[in-house]
N, C-alpha and C. Protein backbone atom coordinates (compact mmCIF):
# COMPACT_ATOMS: atom_id res chain seq x y z
N MET A 1 -21.78 -18.61 -1.93
CA MET A 1 -22.90 -19.58 -1.00
C MET A 1 -22.45 -20.47 -1.23
N GLU A 2 -22.59 -20.93 0.32
CA GLU A 2 -22.10 -22.58 1.03
C GLU A 2 -22.74 -22.96 1.36
N THR A 3 -23.44 -24.54 1.26
CA THR A 3 -23.89 -25.21 2.59
C THR A 3 -23.10 -26.01 2.98
N MET A 4 -23.79 -26.17 4.45
CA MET A 4 -23.22 -27.44 5.06
C MET A 4 -24.29 -27.35 5.97
N THR A 5 -23.60 -28.05 6.62
CA THR A 5 -24.51 -28.80 8.66
C THR A 5 -24.45 -27.51 9.20
N ALA A 6 -25.37 -27.45 10.41
CA ALA A 6 -25.19 -26.25 11.55
C ALA A 6 -24.00 -26.86 12.48
N LYS A 7 -23.57 -28.17 12.40
CA LYS A 7 -22.33 -28.72 13.12
C LYS A 7 -21.33 -27.29 12.74
N GLN A 8 -21.32 -28.33 11.19
CA GLN A 8 -20.25 -27.60 10.25
C GLN A 8 -20.21 -25.36 10.79
N PHE A 9 -21.56 -24.93 10.26
CA PHE A 9 -21.20 -23.49 11.11
C PHE A 9 -20.99 -23.45 12.22
N ARG A 10 -21.52 -23.47 13.23
CA ARG A 10 -21.37 -24.05 14.51
C ARG A 10 -19.72 -23.77 15.08
N GLN A 11 -18.89 -24.30 14.29
CA GLN A 11 -17.54 -24.91 13.88
C GLN A 11 -16.89 -24.42 13.36
N GLY A 12 -17.64 -23.24 13.05
CA GLY A 12 -16.00 -21.95 12.39
C GLY A 12 -16.73 -21.54 10.76
N ASN A 13 -17.26 -22.88 10.45
CA ASN A 13 -17.30 -22.71 8.63
C ASN A 13 -17.97 -21.63 8.51
N GLY A 14 -18.54 -21.03 7.16
CA GLY A 14 -18.29 -19.65 6.36
C GLY A 14 -17.61 -18.90 7.14
N PHE A 15 -18.30 -17.47 6.51
CA PHE A 15 -18.53 -16.36 6.70
C PHE A 15 -19.61 -15.62 8.08
N MET A 16 -19.00 -15.00 8.96
CA MET A 16 -19.96 -14.57 10.14
C MET A 16 -19.38 -14.30 11.58
N SER A 17 -19.57 -13.15 11.76
CA SER A 17 -18.66 -12.53 12.75
C SER A 17 -18.81 -13.58 13.92
N TRP A 18 -17.62 -14.08 15.42
CA TRP A 18 -18.17 -14.96 15.78
C TRP A 18 -19.34 -14.34 17.05
N GLN A 19 -19.31 -12.94 17.56
CA GLN A 19 -20.22 -12.29 17.85
C GLN A 19 -21.98 -12.66 17.12
N LEU A 20 -21.82 -12.83 15.64
CA LEU A 20 -23.29 -13.70 15.28
C LEU A 20 -23.22 -14.81 14.83
N ARG A 21 -22.39 -15.06 15.04
CA ARG A 21 -22.26 -16.69 15.25
C ARG A 21 -23.37 -17.47 16.76
N ARG A 22 -22.44 -16.69 17.48
CA ARG A 22 -23.46 -16.93 19.22
C ARG A 22 -24.73 -17.30 18.74
N GLN A 23 -25.20 -16.44 18.58
CA GLN A 23 -26.82 -16.18 17.94
C GLN A 23 -27.35 -17.17 17.48
N PHE A 24 -26.78 -18.07 17.20
CA PHE A 24 -27.47 -19.17 16.15
C PHE A 24 -28.01 -19.62 16.96
N PRO A 25 -29.37 -20.09 16.82
CA PRO A 25 -30.31 -21.11 18.23
C PRO A 25 -29.54 -22.74 18.27
N ASP A 26 -29.43 -23.08 18.56
CA ASP A 26 -29.03 -23.80 20.04
C ASP A 26 -30.14 -25.03 19.85
N ASN A 27 -31.23 -24.72 19.64
CA ASN A 27 -32.82 -25.70 19.25
C ASN A 27 -32.38 -26.25 17.27
N ILE A 28 -31.40 -25.52 16.32
CA ILE A 28 -31.47 -26.18 15.75
C ILE A 28 -30.29 -27.26 15.94
N LYS A 29 -30.69 -28.76 15.02
CA LYS A 29 -30.06 -29.89 15.41
C LYS A 29 -28.49 -29.85 14.52
N ASP A 30 -28.03 -30.45 14.79
CA ASP A 30 -26.46 -30.88 14.24
C ASP A 30 -26.68 -30.57 12.68
N ASP A 31 -27.20 -31.66 12.13
CA ASP A 31 -27.30 -32.15 10.48
C ASP A 31 -28.46 -32.04 9.61
N GLN A 32 -28.64 -30.59 10.49
CA GLN A 32 -29.74 -29.92 9.82
C GLN A 32 -29.28 -28.67 8.57
N LEU A 33 -29.41 -29.18 7.42
CA LEU A 33 -28.68 -27.92 6.35
C LEU A 33 -28.82 -26.71 6.57
N VAL A 34 -28.02 -25.84 6.54
CA VAL A 34 -27.50 -23.88 6.03
C VAL A 34 -27.07 -23.43 5.94
N ILE A 35 -27.22 -22.31 4.87
CA ILE A 35 -26.25 -21.98 3.72
C ILE A 35 -26.02 -21.11 4.19
N ASN A 36 -24.36 -20.61 3.49
CA ASN A 36 -24.67 -19.66 4.38
C ASN A 36 -23.84 -18.15 2.66
N PHE A 37 -24.10 -16.69 3.08
CA PHE A 37 -23.97 -16.27 1.96
C PHE A 37 -23.20 -15.06 2.11
N ALA A 38 -22.01 -14.34 1.18
CA ALA A 38 -21.44 -13.29 1.74
C ALA A 38 -20.63 -12.78 0.26
N TYR A 39 -20.96 -11.76 0.96
CA TYR A 39 -20.16 -10.78 -0.79
C TYR A 39 -19.01 -9.22 0.36
N THR A 40 -18.10 -8.79 -0.80
CA THR A 40 -18.08 -7.43 -1.11
C THR A 40 -17.45 -6.85 -1.99
N ASP A 41 -17.23 -5.80 -1.85
CA ASP A 41 -16.63 -4.94 -2.97
C ASP A 41 -15.57 -6.24 -3.45
N TYR A 42 -14.73 -6.92 -2.82
CA TYR A 42 -13.80 -7.84 -3.64
C TYR A 42 -13.77 -9.74 -3.99
N GLY A 43 -14.96 -9.87 -3.26
CA GLY A 43 -15.21 -10.97 -3.54
C GLY A 43 -16.68 -11.10 -3.29
N GLY A 44 -17.20 -12.83 -3.08
CA GLY A 44 -18.55 -12.99 -3.74
C GLY A 44 -19.15 -13.29 -4.42
N SER A 45 -20.14 -12.92 -4.85
CA SER A 45 -20.63 -12.55 -6.28
C SER A 45 -22.13 -12.02 -6.03
N PHE A 46 -22.55 -11.50 -6.79
CA PHE A 46 -23.72 -10.61 -7.47
C PHE A 46 -25.02 -11.50 -6.66
N ILE A 47 -25.16 -12.25 -7.40
CA ILE A 47 -25.93 -13.92 -6.45
C ILE A 47 -26.61 -13.81 -5.25
N ASP A 48 -24.71 -13.40 -4.40
CA ASP A 48 -24.68 -13.59 -3.02
C ASP A 48 -25.85 -12.44 -2.28
N LYS A 49 -25.81 -11.45 -3.01
CA LYS A 49 -25.82 -9.79 -2.88
C LYS A 49 -27.05 -9.73 -2.94
N VAL A 50 -27.82 -10.94 -4.10
CA VAL A 50 -29.34 -10.43 -4.58
C VAL A 50 -29.99 -11.60 -3.66
N ILE A 51 -29.71 -12.48 -3.34
CA ILE A 51 -30.24 -13.12 -2.21
C ILE A 51 -30.12 -12.90 -0.94
N ILE A 52 -28.93 -12.01 -0.37
CA ILE A 52 -29.64 -11.91 0.93
C ILE A 52 -30.58 -10.18 0.90
N ALA A 53 -30.19 -10.01 -0.19
CA ALA A 53 -31.17 -8.81 -0.14
C ALA A 53 -33.01 -9.31 -0.79
N PHE A 54 -33.23 -10.55 -1.13
CA PHE A 54 -34.42 -10.28 -1.44
C PHE A 54 -34.92 -11.92 0.08
N LEU A 55 -33.47 -11.81 0.48
CA LEU A 55 -34.19 -12.78 1.66
C LEU A 55 -34.52 -11.31 2.95
N ARG A 56 -33.89 -10.38 3.00
CA ARG A 56 -34.39 -8.84 3.75
C ARG A 56 -35.51 -8.90 3.37
N SER A 57 -35.93 -8.67 2.22
CA SER A 57 -36.58 -8.01 1.91
C SER A 57 -38.07 -9.07 2.51
N LYS A 58 -38.08 -10.18 2.11
CA LYS A 58 -39.24 -11.09 3.48
C LYS A 58 -38.94 -11.31 3.73
N HIS A 59 -38.81 -10.48 4.83
CA HIS A 59 -37.86 -10.70 6.40
C HIS A 59 -38.08 -12.01 7.10
N VAL A 60 -37.33 -12.46 6.40
CA VAL A 60 -37.32 -14.60 7.18
C VAL A 60 -36.12 -14.17 8.19
N GLN A 61 -37.48 -14.61 9.40
CA GLN A 61 -37.00 -15.12 10.92
C GLN A 61 -35.69 -15.21 11.12
N HIS A 62 -35.51 -16.41 10.22
CA HIS A 62 -34.47 -17.93 10.55
C HIS A 62 -33.00 -17.32 9.87
N MET A 63 -33.19 -16.39 10.30
CA MET A 63 -31.09 -16.19 9.47
C MET A 63 -30.60 -15.23 10.37
N LEU A 64 -29.35 -15.70 10.15
CA LEU A 64 -28.23 -13.99 11.24
C LEU A 64 -28.26 -13.47 9.17
N HIS A 65 -27.84 -12.38 9.85
CA HIS A 65 -27.68 -11.18 9.08
C HIS A 65 -26.40 -9.80 9.82
N GLU A 66 -25.25 -9.81 8.71
CA GLU A 66 -24.74 -8.48 9.34
C GLU A 66 -24.25 -8.08 8.17
N HIS A 67 -23.72 -7.19 8.40
CA HIS A 67 -23.28 -5.39 7.46
C HIS A 67 -21.55 -5.99 7.64
N THR A 68 -20.90 -6.55 6.32
CA THR A 68 -19.49 -6.21 7.17
C THR A 68 -18.34 -5.10 6.27
N SER A 69 -16.82 -5.04 6.40
CA SER A 69 -16.29 -4.25 5.64
C SER A 69 -16.97 -3.80 4.20
N TRP A 70 -15.82 -3.01 3.47
CA TRP A 70 -15.53 -3.01 1.44
C TRP A 70 -17.53 -3.25 1.25
N SER A 71 -18.01 -3.18 2.01
CA SER A 71 -19.46 -2.62 1.41
C SER A 71 -19.89 -4.42 1.28
N GLY A 72 -20.02 -5.01 2.46
CA GLY A 72 -20.27 -7.06 2.31
C GLY A 72 -20.75 -6.60 3.33
N GLU A 73 -22.24 -7.74 3.28
CA GLU A 73 -22.60 -8.71 3.66
C GLU A 73 -22.79 -10.31 4.43
N ASN A 74 -22.96 -10.47 5.02
CA ASN A 74 -22.61 -11.96 5.17
C ASN A 74 -24.57 -12.08 5.66
N CYS A 75 -24.69 -13.72 5.76
CA CYS A 75 -26.00 -14.02 5.85
C CYS A 75 -26.10 -15.77 6.12
N THR A 76 -26.73 -15.93 7.15
CA THR A 76 -26.29 -17.86 7.20
C THR A 76 -27.95 -17.83 7.06
N LEU A 77 -28.65 -18.56 6.55
CA LEU A 77 -29.90 -19.31 6.64
C LEU A 77 -29.54 -20.33 6.86
N TYR A 78 -31.06 -20.46 8.11
CA TYR A 78 -31.37 -22.00 8.46
C TYR A 78 -32.68 -21.97 8.45
N SER A 79 -34.04 -21.29 7.55
CA SER A 79 -34.69 -21.45 7.32
C SER A 79 -35.33 -22.41 6.70
N LYS A 80 -35.98 -23.89 7.21
CA LYS A 80 -36.30 -25.24 6.50
C LYS A 80 -36.76 -24.32 4.86
N LYS A 81 -37.69 -23.95 4.98
CA LYS A 81 -37.88 -22.99 3.46
C LYS A 81 -37.35 -22.65 2.23
N TYR A 82 -36.45 -21.72 3.15
CA TYR A 82 -35.36 -21.64 2.12
C TYR A 82 -34.67 -21.71 1.56
N VAL A 83 -33.92 -22.39 2.93
CA VAL A 83 -33.03 -23.91 2.64
C VAL A 83 -33.33 -24.65 1.36
N LYS A 84 -34.28 -25.19 1.32
CA LYS A 84 -34.58 -25.95 0.53
C LYS A 84 -35.10 -25.88 -0.61
N PHE A 85 -35.31 -24.37 -1.37
CA PHE A 85 -35.15 -23.68 -2.37
C PHE A 85 -34.25 -23.12 -3.23
N PHE A 86 -33.20 -22.93 -2.01
CA PHE A 86 -31.90 -22.15 -2.38
C PHE A 86 -31.60 -23.30 -2.66
N ASN A 87 -31.18 -24.28 -1.94
CA ASN A 87 -30.35 -25.55 -2.09
C ASN A 87 -30.42 -26.93 -3.75
N ARG A 88 -31.41 -25.74 -4.12
CA ARG A 88 -31.33 -26.91 -5.80
C ARG A 88 -30.31 -25.79 -7.09
N ASP A 89 -30.28 -26.43 -8.09
CA ASP A 89 -29.82 -25.92 -8.77
C ASP A 89 -29.86 -24.60 -9.48
N PHE A 90 -28.92 -23.55 -9.93
CA PHE A 90 -29.19 -22.11 -9.55
C PHE A 90 -30.54 -21.97 -10.54
N LYS A 91 -30.15 -22.72 -11.97
CA LYS A 91 -31.67 -22.01 -12.99
C LYS A 91 -32.84 -22.73 -11.84
N ASP A 92 -32.93 -23.18 -11.86
CA ASP A 92 -34.19 -23.39 -10.89
C ASP A 92 -35.22 -22.69 -10.10
N TRP A 93 -33.76 -21.59 -9.47
CA TRP A 93 -34.42 -20.56 -8.67
C TRP A 93 -35.84 -19.61 -10.18
N PHE A 94 -35.50 -19.78 -10.68
CA PHE A 94 -35.86 -18.72 -11.63
C PHE A 94 -37.48 -18.86 -12.48
N TYR A 95 -37.75 -20.01 -11.44
CA TYR A 95 -38.60 -20.50 -12.19
C TYR A 95 -40.04 -20.24 -10.75
N ASN A 96 -39.29 -19.45 -9.84
CA ASN A 96 -40.22 -18.61 -9.05
C ASN A 96 -40.15 -17.09 -9.97
N ASP A 97 -41.43 -16.91 -9.60
CA ASP A 97 -41.51 -15.41 -10.85
C ASP A 97 -40.72 -14.42 -9.82
N GLU A 98 -41.39 -15.22 -8.32
CA GLU A 98 -40.86 -13.42 -7.51
C GLU A 98 -39.83 -13.81 -6.91
N PHE A 99 -38.77 -14.57 -6.83
CA PHE A 99 -37.46 -14.98 -7.37
C PHE A 99 -37.15 -13.59 -8.57
N GLU A 100 -37.55 -14.12 -9.05
CA GLU A 100 -36.85 -14.10 -10.99
C GLU A 100 -36.98 -12.35 -11.18
N GLU A 101 -38.36 -11.79 -10.55
CA GLU A 101 -38.93 -10.48 -11.40
C GLU A 101 -37.75 -10.03 -9.78
N PHE A 102 -37.16 -10.30 -8.71
CA PHE A 102 -36.57 -9.14 -7.58
C PHE A 102 -34.72 -9.23 -8.10
N TYR A 103 -34.27 -9.98 -8.84
CA TYR A 103 -33.37 -10.49 -9.38
C TYR A 103 -33.10 -10.25 -11.25
N CYS A 104 -34.11 -9.94 -11.64
CA CYS A 104 -34.12 -8.53 -12.54
C CYS A 104 -33.83 -6.89 -12.59
N GLN A 105 -34.47 -6.90 -10.76
CA GLN A 105 -35.13 -5.96 -11.12
C GLN A 105 -33.55 -4.95 -9.89
N GLN A 106 -32.65 -5.95 -9.21
CA GLN A 106 -30.99 -5.57 -8.59
C GLN A 106 -30.67 -5.67 -9.53
N GLU A 107 -30.35 -6.91 -10.88
CA GLU A 107 -29.76 -6.50 -12.19
C GLU A 107 -29.95 -4.98 -12.45
N TYR A 108 -31.01 -4.73 -13.03
CA TYR A 108 -31.30 -3.68 -13.89
C TYR A 108 -30.83 -2.65 -13.37
N GLN A 109 -30.78 -2.16 -12.27
CA GLN A 109 -31.12 -0.95 -10.88
C GLN A 109 -28.94 -1.36 -11.39
N ILE A 110 -27.94 -2.03 -11.30
CA ILE A 110 -26.84 -0.97 -10.83
C ILE A 110 -26.58 -1.59 -12.16
N GLN A 111 -27.32 -1.85 -13.13
CA GLN A 111 -26.66 -1.66 -14.24
C GLN A 111 -26.65 0.30 -15.01
N ASP A 112 -28.13 -0.30 -14.29
CA ASP A 112 -28.37 1.82 -14.09
C ASP A 112 -27.80 2.63 -14.03
N GLU A 113 -26.89 2.99 -12.62
CA GLU A 113 -26.12 3.18 -11.45
C GLU A 113 -25.05 3.01 -12.52
N CYS A 114 -24.39 2.17 -13.51
CA CYS A 114 -22.89 2.12 -14.44
C CYS A 114 -22.85 2.82 -15.17
N TRP A 115 -24.42 2.41 -16.17
CA TRP A 115 -24.12 3.56 -17.41
C TRP A 115 -24.75 4.91 -17.14
N ASN A 116 -25.42 5.18 -16.32
CA ASN A 116 -25.82 6.96 -15.86
C ASN A 116 -24.22 6.99 -14.92
N TYR A 117 -23.55 6.51 -14.40
CA TYR A 117 -22.01 7.01 -14.08
C TYR A 117 -21.24 6.89 -16.16
N VAL A 118 -21.36 6.29 -16.30
CA VAL A 118 -20.58 6.67 -18.09
C VAL A 118 -21.44 7.55 -18.87
N ALA A 119 -22.85 7.78 -19.07
CA ALA A 119 -22.72 8.82 -19.81
C ALA A 119 -22.37 10.08 -18.70
N ASN A 120 -22.34 10.09 -17.79
CA ASN A 120 -21.79 11.30 -16.80
C ASN A 120 -20.86 12.16 -17.25
N GLU A 121 -19.42 10.96 -17.29
CA GLU A 121 -18.05 11.17 -18.00
C GLU A 121 -17.95 11.12 -18.73
N PHE A 122 -18.77 10.97 -19.68
CA PHE A 122 -18.56 10.38 -21.08
C PHE A 122 -19.54 12.02 -21.64
N ILE A 123 -20.42 12.54 -20.78
CA ILE A 123 -20.75 14.30 -21.53
C ILE A 123 -19.61 15.02 -20.58
N GLN A 124 -18.90 14.94 -19.85
CA GLN A 124 -18.42 15.94 -19.73
C GLN A 124 -16.70 15.67 -20.04
N ASP A 125 -16.00 14.55 -20.83
CA ASP A 125 -15.59 14.49 -21.11
C ASP A 125 -15.29 15.15 -22.40
N TYR A 126 -17.07 15.02 -23.21
CA TYR A 126 -16.88 15.22 -24.34
C TYR A 126 -17.29 16.73 -24.54
N GLU A 127 -17.54 17.15 -23.05
CA GLU A 127 -18.10 18.81 -23.84
C GLU A 127 -19.70 18.86 -23.59
N LEU A 128 -20.57 17.60 -23.55
CA LEU A 128 -21.78 17.82 -24.59
C LEU A 128 -23.05 18.40 -23.52
N ASP A 129 -24.01 18.51 -24.44
CA ASP A 129 -24.79 18.70 -23.58
C ASP A 129 -25.85 17.96 -22.72
N GLU A 130 -26.10 18.36 -21.69
CA GLU A 130 -26.58 17.75 -20.40
C GLU A 130 -28.03 16.89 -20.82
N SER A 131 -28.56 16.68 -21.73
CA SER A 131 -29.68 16.42 -22.42
C SER A 131 -29.54 15.04 -23.19
N MET A 132 -27.99 14.76 -23.54
CA MET A 132 -27.69 13.58 -24.30
C MET A 132 -28.51 12.58 -23.04
N LYS A 133 -28.31 13.01 -22.11
CA LYS A 133 -27.74 12.20 -21.32
C LYS A 133 -28.65 10.52 -21.16
N SER A 134 -30.07 10.90 -21.26
CA SER A 134 -30.94 9.95 -21.02
C SER A 134 -30.73 9.21 -22.68
N ASP A 135 -30.59 9.39 -23.67
CA ASP A 135 -30.27 8.92 -25.10
C ASP A 135 -28.68 7.60 -24.96
N ILE A 136 -28.02 8.68 -23.96
CA ILE A 136 -26.95 7.69 -23.74
C ILE A 136 -26.78 6.52 -22.75
N VAL A 137 -27.46 6.71 -22.23
CA VAL A 137 -28.73 5.70 -20.81
C VAL A 137 -29.15 4.93 -21.90
N ASN A 138 -29.60 5.32 -22.49
CA ASN A 138 -30.59 3.82 -22.98
C ASN A 138 -29.71 3.09 -24.47
N PHE A 139 -28.93 3.96 -24.64
CA PHE A 139 -28.16 3.26 -25.49
C PHE A 139 -27.65 2.57 -25.38
N LEU A 140 -26.51 2.63 -23.49
CA LEU A 140 -25.27 1.49 -23.09
C LEU A 140 -26.55 0.07 -22.89
N HIS A 141 -28.24 0.57 -22.26
CA HIS A 141 -28.58 -0.08 -21.48
C HIS A 141 -28.91 -1.54 -23.09
N GLU A 142 -29.17 -0.68 -24.48
CA GLU A 142 -29.35 -1.28 -25.70
C GLU A 142 -28.60 -2.77 -25.79
N GLU A 143 -26.67 -1.91 -26.30
CA GLU A 143 -25.99 -2.09 -26.18
C GLU A 143 -25.00 -3.36 -25.47
N PHE A 144 -25.14 -3.22 -24.36
CA PHE A 144 -24.09 -3.36 -23.48
C PHE A 144 -24.73 -4.88 -22.09
N ASP A 145 -26.03 -4.56 -21.83
CA ASP A 145 -26.79 -5.19 -20.83
C ASP A 145 -26.62 -7.07 -21.50
N ARG A 146 -26.62 -7.87 -20.65
CA ARG A 146 -26.73 -9.18 -21.03
C ARG A 146 -24.84 -9.02 -21.63
N TYR A 147 -24.58 -8.06 -21.66
CA TYR A 147 -22.44 -8.58 -22.90
C TYR A 147 -21.88 -8.62 -20.91
N TYR A 148 -22.30 -7.51 -20.96
CA TYR A 148 -21.46 -7.33 -19.71
C TYR A 148 -21.23 -7.82 -18.52
N SER A 149 -20.51 -8.58 -17.61
CA SER A 149 -21.19 -9.95 -16.65
C SER A 149 -21.16 -8.65 -15.44
N ILE A 150 -22.12 -9.02 -14.53
CA ILE A 150 -22.31 -7.92 -13.02
C ILE A 150 -21.34 -8.94 -11.65
N VAL A 151 -20.29 -8.09 -11.00
CA VAL A 151 -19.61 -8.71 -10.50
C VAL A 151 -19.31 -8.10 -9.56
N TYR A 152 -19.87 -8.48 -7.78
CA TYR A 152 -19.85 -8.47 -6.24
C TYR A 152 -20.57 -6.66 -6.46
N THR A 153 -20.49 -6.00 -6.18
CA THR A 153 -21.39 -5.14 -6.15
C THR A 153 -21.19 -3.96 -7.75
N GLN A 154 -20.76 -4.42 -8.73
CA GLN A 154 -20.57 -3.87 -9.95
C GLN A 154 -20.54 -4.40 -10.86
N VAL A 155 -20.83 -3.53 -12.43
CA VAL A 155 -20.31 -4.03 -13.39
C VAL A 155 -18.93 -4.28 -13.94
N ASP A 156 -19.01 -5.36 -14.64
CA ASP A 156 -17.90 -5.54 -15.20
C ASP A 156 -17.29 -5.03 -16.22
N TYR A 157 -17.08 -3.72 -16.60
CA TYR A 157 -17.18 -3.40 -18.21
C TYR A 157 -15.91 -3.42 -18.49
N SER A 158 -15.32 -2.69 -20.10
CA SER A 158 -14.30 -1.85 -20.28
C SER A 158 -14.54 -0.65 -20.93
N SER A 159 -14.45 0.46 -19.56
CA SER A 159 -14.59 1.88 -20.15
C SER A 159 -14.51 1.97 -21.80
N GLU A 160 -13.24 1.69 -22.26
CA GLU A 160 -12.44 1.93 -23.34
C GLU A 160 -13.41 1.30 -24.43
N ASN A 161 -13.97 -0.25 -24.44
CA ASN A 161 -15.30 -0.15 -25.34
C ASN A 161 -16.28 0.19 -25.50
N ALA A 162 -16.66 0.66 -24.25
CA ALA A 162 -18.27 1.82 -23.83
C ALA A 162 -17.85 3.36 -24.76
N GLU A 163 -16.56 3.64 -24.63
CA GLU A 163 -16.37 5.28 -25.19
C GLU A 163 -16.70 4.93 -26.33
N SER A 164 -15.75 4.23 -27.11
CA SER A 164 -15.40 3.92 -28.56
C SER A 164 -16.91 3.82 -29.28
N LYS A 165 -18.03 2.68 -28.22
CA LYS A 165 -19.57 2.73 -29.32
C LYS A 165 -20.37 3.65 -29.06
N LEU A 166 -19.89 4.89 -27.91
CA LEU A 166 -21.01 5.86 -27.68
C LEU A 166 -19.88 6.89 -28.80
N CYS A 167 -19.46 6.99 -28.86
CA CYS A 167 -18.19 8.10 -29.74
C CYS A 167 -19.07 7.46 -31.76
N GLU A 168 -19.03 6.41 -31.80
CA GLU A 168 -19.66 5.50 -33.13
C GLU A 168 -21.06 5.75 -33.55
N HIS A 169 -21.73 5.71 -32.35
CA HIS A 169 -22.97 6.04 -32.37
C HIS A 169 -23.84 7.36 -32.46
N PHE A 170 -23.32 7.98 -31.51
CA PHE A 170 -23.35 9.46 -31.57
C PHE A 170 -22.32 10.38 -32.96
N ASN A 171 -21.75 9.59 -33.52
CA ASN A 171 -20.99 10.29 -34.60
C ASN A 171 -19.78 11.27 -33.96
N ILE A 172 -19.12 11.04 -32.96
CA ILE A 172 -18.27 11.89 -32.21
C ILE A 172 -16.82 11.68 -32.33
N LYS A 173 -16.13 12.55 -32.37
CA LYS A 173 -14.44 12.15 -32.78
C LYS A 173 -13.74 11.35 -31.38
N GLN A 174 -13.17 10.51 -31.48
CA GLN A 174 -12.84 9.88 -29.84
C GLN A 174 -12.24 10.33 -29.79
N ALA A 175 -11.53 10.82 -28.31
CA ALA A 175 -10.35 11.54 -28.01
C ALA A 175 -9.54 10.67 -27.74
N LYS A 176 -7.89 11.07 -27.85
CA LYS A 176 -7.06 9.80 -27.67
C LYS A 176 -6.34 9.55 -26.67
């Protein structure tokens, strides 16, 4: 997330293709603030991803948006209402119930995708019954949600730690 003036954006600051940048409205005053959000698999942040998804779900008209390579997105917001909202301290965003709920749903979804992947790998590696999957996923949520951080588009976790905790919890001898 980067806040800048419209003039700075027009001069090339922020992440946006020149093709889309040319669609930036001419009637926006040079001193008006805009916010640029961007992420890929290799940079940006999870919060950028959530904000872009939130703005798209609200069908915000005053923004430019594009998909990028490496599973990313760029968004430049020039809606005065939303620029004012997101140009506050991060913790203040969560005083808005709508945004907080949206953020939590996105956070849970990405964690759930990760823990389902881990559960599938664990079941395959230890030749366990598929019926254990929901118990494994529930355990991973209880054990690791809020412990590992979400970066970019995935959970940054230790597979060795997850495997060790699963073996211990389900009383399975850990493979070497």
